[in-house]
PDB file of N, CA and C in Angstrom:
ATOM      1  N   MET A   1       0.849  -1.178   0.000  1.00  0.00           N
ATOM      2  CA  MET A   1       0.000   0.000   0.000  1.00  0.00           C
ATOM      3  C   MET A   1       0.897   1.244   0.000  1.00  0.00           C
ATOM      4  N   PRO A   2       0.618   2.212  -0.847  1.00  0.00           N
ATOM      5  CA  PRO A   2       1.432   3.441  -0.906  1.00  0.00           C
ATOM      6  C   PRO A   2       1.394   4.215   0.408  1.00  0.00           C
ATOM      7  N   MET A   3       2.421   4.990   0.633  1.00  0.00           N
ATOM      8  CA  MET A   3       2.494   5.828   1.830  1.00  0.00           C
ATOM      9  C   MET A   3       1.868   7.190   1.542  1.00  0.00           C
ATOM     10  N   THR A   4       1.553   7.915   2.606  1.00  0.00           N
ATOM     11  CA  THR A   4       1.027   9.267   2.439  1.00  0.00           C
ATOM     12  C   THR A   4       2.186  10.224   2.188  1.00  0.00           C
ATOM     13  N   GLU A   5       1.910  11.314   1.523  1.00  0.00           N
ATOM     14  CA  GLU A   5       2.936  12.316   1.243  1.00  0.00           C
ATOM     15  C   GLU A   5       3.499  12.896   2.535  1.00  0.00           C
ATOM     16  N   GLU A   6       2.670  13.031   3.554  1.00  0.00           N
ATOM     17  CA  GLU A   6       3.108  13.605   4.831  1.00  0.00           C
ATOM     18  C   GLU A   6       4.114  12.707   5.544  1.00  0.00           C
ATOM     19  N   ALA A   7       4.119  11.409   5.248  1.00  0.00           N
ATOM     20  CA  ALA A   7       5.010  10.468   5.922  1.00  0.00           C
ATOM     21  C   ALA A   7       6.428  10.489   5.355  1.00  0.00           C
ATOM     22  N   ILE A   8       6.628  11.068   4.183  1.00  0.00           N
ATOM     23  CA  ILE A   8       7.945  11.094   3.546  1.00  0.00           C
ATOM     24  C   ILE A   8       8.785  12.201   4.173  1.00  0.00           C
ATOM     25  N   GLN A   9       9.931  11.820   4.753  1.00  0.00           N
ATOM     26  CA  GLN A   9      10.781  12.775   5.470  1.00  0.00           C
ATOM     27  C   GLN A   9      12.243  12.634   5.040  1.00  0.00           C
ATOM     28  N   PRO A  10      12.978  13.754   4.957  1.00  0.00           N
ATOM     29  CA  PRO A  10      14.420  13.693   4.648  1.00  0.00           C
ATOM     30  C   PRO A  10      15.175  12.894   5.702  1.00  0.00           C
ATOM     31  N   GLY A  11      16.182  12.152   5.252  1.00  0.00           N
ATOM     32  CA  GLY A  11      17.004  11.365   6.162  1.00  0.00           C
ATOM     33  C   GLY A  11      16.451   9.987   6.466  1.00  0.00           C
ATOM     34  N   LYS A  12      15.273   9.674   5.979  1.00  0.00           N
ATOM     35  CA  LYS A  12      14.663   8.374   6.224  1.00  0.00           C
ATOM     36  C   LYS A  12      14.751   7.519   4.966  1.00  0.00           C
ATOM     37  N   CYS A  13      14.587   6.218   5.141  1.00  0.00           N
ATOM     38  CA  CYS A  13      14.673   5.278   4.027  1.00  0.00           C
ATOM     39  C   CYS A  13      13.354   4.532   3.874  1.00  0.00           C
ATOM     40  N   TYR A  14      13.078   4.150   2.633  1.00  0.00           N
ATOM     41  CA  TYR A  14      11.790   3.537   2.309  1.00  0.00           C
ATOM     42  C   TYR A  14      11.963   2.368   1.359  1.00  0.00           C
ATOM     43  N   ALA A  15      11.118   1.350   1.545  1.00  0.00           N
ATOM     44  CA  ALA A  15      11.108   0.179   0.670  1.00  0.00           C
ATOM     45  C   ALA A  15      10.040   0.374  -0.402  1.00  0.00           C
ATOM     46  N   THR A  16      10.284  -0.239  -1.567  1.00  0.00           N
ATOM     47  CA  THR A  16       9.326  -0.137  -2.667  1.00  0.00           C
ATOM     48  C   THR A  16       8.437  -1.366  -2.788  1.00  0.00           C
ATOM     49  N   GLY A  17       8.768  -2.421  -2.074  1.00  0.00           N
ATOM     50  CA  GLY A  17       8.041  -3.668  -2.231  1.00  0.00           C
ATOM     51  C   GLY A  17       8.735  -4.584  -3.232  1.00  0.00           C
ATOM     52  N   GLY A  18       9.713  -4.039  -3.955  1.00  0.00           N
ATOM     53  CA  GLY A  18      10.530  -4.813  -4.886  1.00  0.00           C
ATOM     54  C   GLY A  18      11.945  -4.912  -4.349  1.00  0.00           C
ATOM     55  N   SER A  19      12.922  -4.911  -5.241  1.00  0.00           N
ATOM     56  CA  SER A  19      14.312  -5.047  -4.802  1.00  0.00           C
ATOM     57  C   SER A  19      14.988  -3.707  -4.516  1.00  0.00           C
ATOM     58  N   GLU A  20      14.353  -2.588  -4.900  1.00  0.00           N
ATOM     59  CA  GLU A  20      14.950  -1.278  -4.670  1.00  0.00           C
ATOM     60  C   GLU A  20      14.469  -0.643  -3.377  1.00  0.00           C
ATOM     61  N   ASN A  21      15.376   0.092  -2.747  1.00  0.00           N
ATOM     62  CA  ASN A  21      15.066   0.893  -1.569  1.00  0.00           C
ATOM     63  C   ASN A  21      15.576   2.297  -1.828  1.00  0.00           C
ATOM     64  N   TYR A  22      14.993   3.279  -1.125  1.00  0.00           N
ATOM     65  CA  TYR A  22      15.348   4.677  -1.347  1.00  0.00           C
ATOM     66  C   TYR A  22      15.704   5.362  -0.051  1.00  0.00           C
ATOM     67  N   ARG A  23      16.730   6.231  -0.091  1.00  0.00           N
ATOM     68  CA  ARG A  23      17.064   7.121   1.028  1.00  0.00           C
ATOM     69  C   ARG A  23      16.737   8.535   0.576  1.00  0.00           C
ATOM     70  N   VAL A  24      15.857   9.205   1.300  1.00  0.00           N
ATOM     71  CA  VAL A  24      15.456  10.572   0.960  1.00  0.00           C
ATOM     72  C   VAL A  24      16.513  11.538   1.478  1.00  0.00           C
ATOM     73  N   LEU A  25      17.033  12.356   0.572  1.00  0.00           N
ATOM     74  CA  LEU A  25      18.039  13.350   0.935  1.00  0.00           C
ATOM     75  C   LEU A  25      17.400  14.684   1.276  1.00  0.00           C
ATOM     76  N   SER A  26      16.382  15.071   0.500  1.00  0.00           N
ATOM     77  CA  SER A  26      15.700  16.340   0.766  1.00  0.00           C
ATOM     78  C   SER A  26      14.312  16.335   0.130  1.00  0.00           C
ATOM     79  N   VAL A  27      13.476  17.207   0.649  1.00  0.00           N
ATOM     80  CA  VAL A  27      12.159  17.470   0.080  1.00  0.00           C
ATOM     81  C   VAL A  27      12.039  18.984  -0.040  1.00  0.00           C
ATOM     82  N   THR A  28      11.964  19.468  -1.275  1.00  0.00           N
ATOM     83  CA  THR A  28      11.912  20.905  -1.520  1.00  0.00           C
ATOM     84  C   THR A  28      10.787  21.222  -2.495  1.00  0.00           C
ATOM     85  N   ARG A  29       9.825  22.011  -2.029  1.00  0.00           N
ATOM     86  CA  ARG A  29       8.700  22.446  -2.865  1.00  0.00           C
ATOM     87  C   ARG A  29       8.061  21.294  -3.638  1.00  0.00           C
ATOM     88  N   GLY A  30       7.834  20.188  -2.943  1.00  0.00           N
ATOM     89  CA  GLY A  30       7.155  19.051  -3.557  1.00  0.00           C
ATOM     90  C   GLY A  30       8.031  18.150  -4.401  1.00  0.00           C
ATOM     91  N   ILE A  31       9.346  18.367  -4.393  1.00  0.00           N
ATOM     92  CA  ILE A  31      10.283  17.526  -5.139  1.00  0.00           C
ATOM     93  C   ILE A  31      11.127  16.738  -4.139  1.00  0.00           C
ATOM     94  N   VAL A  32      11.150  15.432  -4.292  1.00  0.00           N
ATOM     95  CA  VAL A  32      11.928  14.552  -3.427  1.00  0.00           C
ATOM     96  C   VAL A  32      13.241  14.215  -4.134  1.00  0.00           C
ATOM     97  N   THR A  33      14.364  14.451  -3.459  1.00  0.00           N
ATOM     98  CA  THR A  33      15.673  14.049  -3.970  1.00  0.00           C
ATOM     99  C   THR A  33      16.105  12.844  -3.153  1.00  0.00           C
ATOM    100  N   TYR A  34      16.464  11.760  -3.852  1.00  0.00           N
ATOM    101  CA  TYR A  34      16.764  10.520  -3.149  1.00  0.00           C
ATOM    102  C   TYR A  34      17.869   9.726  -3.835  1.00  0.00           C
ATOM    103  N   GLN A  35      18.413   8.752  -3.094  1.00  0.00           N
ATOM    104  CA  GLN A  35      19.386   7.798  -3.611  1.00  0.00           C
ATOM    105  C   GLN A  35      18.757   6.410  -3.565  1.00  0.00           C
ATOM    106  N   VAL A  36      19.246   5.538  -4.439  1.00  0.00           N
ATOM    107  CA  VAL A  36      18.710   4.181  -4.551  1.00  0.00           C
ATOM    108  C   VAL A  36      19.755   3.174  -4.093  1.00  0.00           C
ATOM    109  N   TRP A  37      19.297   2.097  -3.464  1.00  0.00           N
ATOM    110  CA  TRP A  37      20.147   0.931  -3.289  1.00  0.00           C
ATOM    111  C   TRP A  37      19.273  -0.302  -3.432  1.00  0.00           C
ATOM    112  N   THR A  38      19.871  -1.364  -3.937  1.00  0.00           N
ATOM    113  CA  THR A  38      19.160  -2.630  -4.046  1.00  0.00           C
ATOM    114  C   THR A  38      19.635  -3.528  -2.921  1.00  0.00           C
ATOM    115  N   LYS A  39      18.826  -4.486  -2.571  1.00  0.00           N
ATOM    116  CA  LYS A  39      19.165  -5.376  -1.467  1.00  0.00           C
ATOM    117  C   LYS A  39      20.539  -6.001  -1.692  1.00  0.00           C
ATOM    118  N   GLY A  40      21.393  -5.929  -0.673  1.00  0.00           N
ATOM    119  CA  GLY A  40      22.728  -6.489  -0.754  1.00  0.00           C
ATOM    120  C   GLY A  40      23.754  -5.583  -1.424  1.00  0.00           C
ATOM    121  N   GLN A  41      23.368  -4.371  -1.808  1.00  0.00           N
ATOM    122  CA  GLN A  41      24.270  -3.436  -2.490  1.00  0.00           C
ATOM    123  C   GLN A  41      24.452  -2.181  -1.647  1.00  0.00           C
ATOM    124  N   LYS A  42      25.427  -1.357  -2.037  1.00  0.00           N
ATOM    125  CA  LYS A  42      25.643  -0.061  -1.382  1.00  0.00           C
ATOM    126  C   LYS A  42      24.766   0.998  -2.047  1.00  0.00           C
ATOM    127  N   LEU A  43      24.604   2.118  -1.358  1.00  0.00           N
ATOM    128  CA  LEU A  43      23.891   3.258  -1.938  1.00  0.00           C
ATOM    129  C   LEU A  43      24.577   3.705  -3.213  1.00  0.00           C
ATOM    130  N   GLN A  44      23.819   3.971  -4.245  1.00  0.00           N
ATOM    131  CA  GLN A  44      24.382   4.507  -5.472  1.00  0.00           C
ATOM    132  C   GLN A  44      24.612   6.001  -5.281  1.00  0.00           C
ATOM    133  N   PRO A  45      25.694   6.547  -5.823  1.00  0.00           N
ATOM    134  CA  PRO A  45      25.988   7.972  -5.626  1.00  0.00           C
ATOM    135  C   PRO A  45      25.042   8.898  -6.397  1.00  0.00           C
ATOM    136  N   LEU A  46      24.374   8.385  -7.413  1.00  0.00           N
ATOM    137  CA  LEU A  46      23.468   9.192  -8.221  1.00  0.00           C
ATOM    138  C   LEU A  46      22.285   9.673  -7.391  1.00  0.00           C
ATOM    139  N   ARG A  47      21.959  10.945  -7.537  1.00  0.00           N
ATOM    140  CA  ARG A  47      20.786  11.514  -6.861  1.00  0.00           C
ATOM    141  C   ARG A  47      19.672  11.675  -7.883  1.00  0.00           C
ATOM    142  N   ILE A  48      18.477  11.270  -7.505  1.00  0.00           N
ATOM    143  CA  ILE A  48      17.336  11.284  -8.409  1.00  0.00           C
ATOM    144  C   ILE A  48      16.256  12.185  -7.820  1.00  0.00           C
ATOM    145  N   ASN A  49      15.548  12.900  -8.688  1.00  0.00           N
ATOM    146  CA  ASN A  49      14.443  13.746  -8.256  1.00  0.00           C
ATOM    147  C   ASN A  49      13.128  13.174  -8.765  1.00  0.00           C
ATOM    148  N   ALA A  50      12.097  13.300  -7.941  1.00  0.00           N
ATOM    149  CA  ALA A  50      10.752  12.871  -8.331  1.00  0.00           C
ATOM    150  C   ALA A  50       9.743  13.736  -7.602  1.00  0.00           C
ATOM    151  N   GLY A  51       8.583  13.868  -8.171  1.00  0.00           N
ATOM    152  CA  GLY A  51       7.503  14.589  -7.507  1.00  0.00           C
ATOM    153  C   GLY A  51       7.050  13.822  -6.267  1.00  0.00           C
ATOM    154  N   MET A  52       6.632  14.545  -5.252  1.00  0.00           N
ATOM    155  CA  MET A  52       6.212  13.930  -3.993  1.00  0.00           C
ATOM    156  C   MET A  52       5.105  12.900  -4.200  1.00  0.00           C
ATOM    157  N   LYS A  53       4.116  13.222  -5.001  1.00  0.00           N
ATOM    158  CA  LYS A  53       2.993  12.314  -5.219  1.00  0.00           C
ATOM    159  C   LYS A  53       3.477  11.003  -5.843  1.00  0.00           C
ATOM    160  N   HIS A  54       4.342  11.107  -6.843  1.00  0.00           N
ATOM    161  CA  HIS A  54       4.883   9.926  -7.516  1.00  0.00           C
ATOM    162  C   HIS A  54       5.735   9.094  -6.554  1.00  0.00           C
ATOM    163  N   PHE A  55       6.602   9.757  -5.777  1.00  0.00           N
ATOM    164  CA  PHE A  55       7.475   9.055  -4.831  1.00  0.00           C
ATOM    165  C   PHE A  55       6.641   8.322  -3.782  1.00  0.00           C
ATOM    166  N   ALA A  56       5.670   9.015  -3.188  1.00  0.00           N
ATOM    167  CA  ALA A  56       4.838   8.406  -2.141  1.00  0.00           C
ATOM    168  C   ALA A  56       4.068   7.197  -2.677  1.00  0.00           C
ATOM    169  N   ALA A  57       3.662   7.254  -3.936  1.00  0.00           N
ATOM    170  CA  ALA A  57       2.933   6.131  -4.536  1.00  0.00           C
ATOM    171  C   ALA A  57       3.847   4.931  -4.771  1.00  0.00           C
ATOM    172  N   ALA A  58       5.161   5.176  -4.901  1.00  0.00           N
ATOM    173  CA  ALA A  58       6.109   4.101  -5.209  1.00  0.00           C
ATOM    174  C   ALA A  58       6.612   3.362  -3.974  1.00  0.00           C
ATOM    175  N   VAL A  59       6.563   3.989  -2.802  1.00  0.00           N
ATOM    176  CA  VAL A  59       7.104   3.356  -1.598  1.00  0.00           C
ATOM    177  C   VAL A  59       5.989   2.762  -0.743  1.00  0.00           C
ATOM    178  N   THR A  60       6.358   1.710  -0.001  1.00  0.00           N
ATOM    179  CA  THR A  60       5.337   1.001   0.776  1.00  0.00           C
ATOM    180  C   THR A  60       5.504   1.117   2.291  1.00  0.00           C
ATOM    181  N   LYS A  61       6.767   1.319   2.753  1.00  0.00           N
ATOM    182  CA  LYS A  61       6.984   1.429   4.200  1.00  0.00           C
ATOM    183  C   LYS A  61       8.347   2.036   4.492  1.00  0.00           C
ATOM    184  N   GLU A  62       8.479   2.584   5.705  1.00  0.00           N
ATOM    185  CA  GLU A  62       9.764   3.104   6.155  1.00  0.00           C
ATOM    186  C   GLU A  62      10.608   1.937   6.645  1.00  0.00           C
ATOM    187  N   ILE A  63      11.910   1.973   6.338  1.00  0.00           N
ATOM    188  CA  ILE A  63      12.833   0.925   6.758  1.00  0.00           C
ATOM    189  C   ILE A  63      14.087   1.555   7.354  1.00  0.00           C
ATOM    190  N   ALA A  64      14.926   0.738   7.972  1.00  0.00           N
ATOM    191  CA  ALA A  64      16.202   1.235   8.502  1.00  0.00           C
ATOM    192  C   ALA A  64      17.138   1.555   7.349  1.00  0.00           C
ATOM    193  N   CYS A  65      17.849   2.661   7.469  1.00  0.00           N
ATOM    194  CA  CYS A  65      18.808   3.042   6.441  1.00  0.00           C
ATOM    195  C   CYS A  65      20.071   2.203   6.583  1.00  0.00           C
ATOM    196  N   PRO A  66      20.773   1.995   5.457  1.00  0.00           N
ATOM    197  CA  PRO A  66      22.022   1.227   5.528  1.00  0.00           C
ATOM    198  C   PRO A  66      23.109   2.033   6.228  1.00  0.00           C
ATOM    199  N   ALA A  67      24.045   1.322   6.827  1.00  0.00           N
ATOM    200  CA  ALA A  67      25.195   1.991   7.449  1.00  0.00           C
ATOM    201  C   ALA A  67      26.043   2.618   6.357  1.00  0.00           C
ATOM    202  N   GLU A  68      26.543   3.800   6.611  1.00  0.00           N
ATOM    203  CA  GLU A  68      27.393   4.467   5.622  1.00  0.00           C
ATOM    204  C   GLU A  68      28.823   3.994   5.775  1.00  0.00           C
ATOM    205  N   GLY A  69      29.544   4.058   4.649  1.00  0.00           N
ATOM    206  CA  GLY A  69      30.943   3.717   4.742  1.00  0.00           C
ATOM    207  C   GLY A  69      31.337   2.729   3.778  1.00  0.00           C
TER     208      GLY A  69
END
């Protein structure tokens, strides 16, 4: 089930229900900037932007973020 837009917060991580997970870096004027990692992998350095409505529809739950390093 998709999450609400109000539940999406910078610094938190979210699962998609598939193999990808997202770490939210910032939310600015309805645009979510995030990084992706797949299960068993490190965070990718690429930063991606998406509209809040689209991002919230893609994620299913908040999860623990991976350790950095």
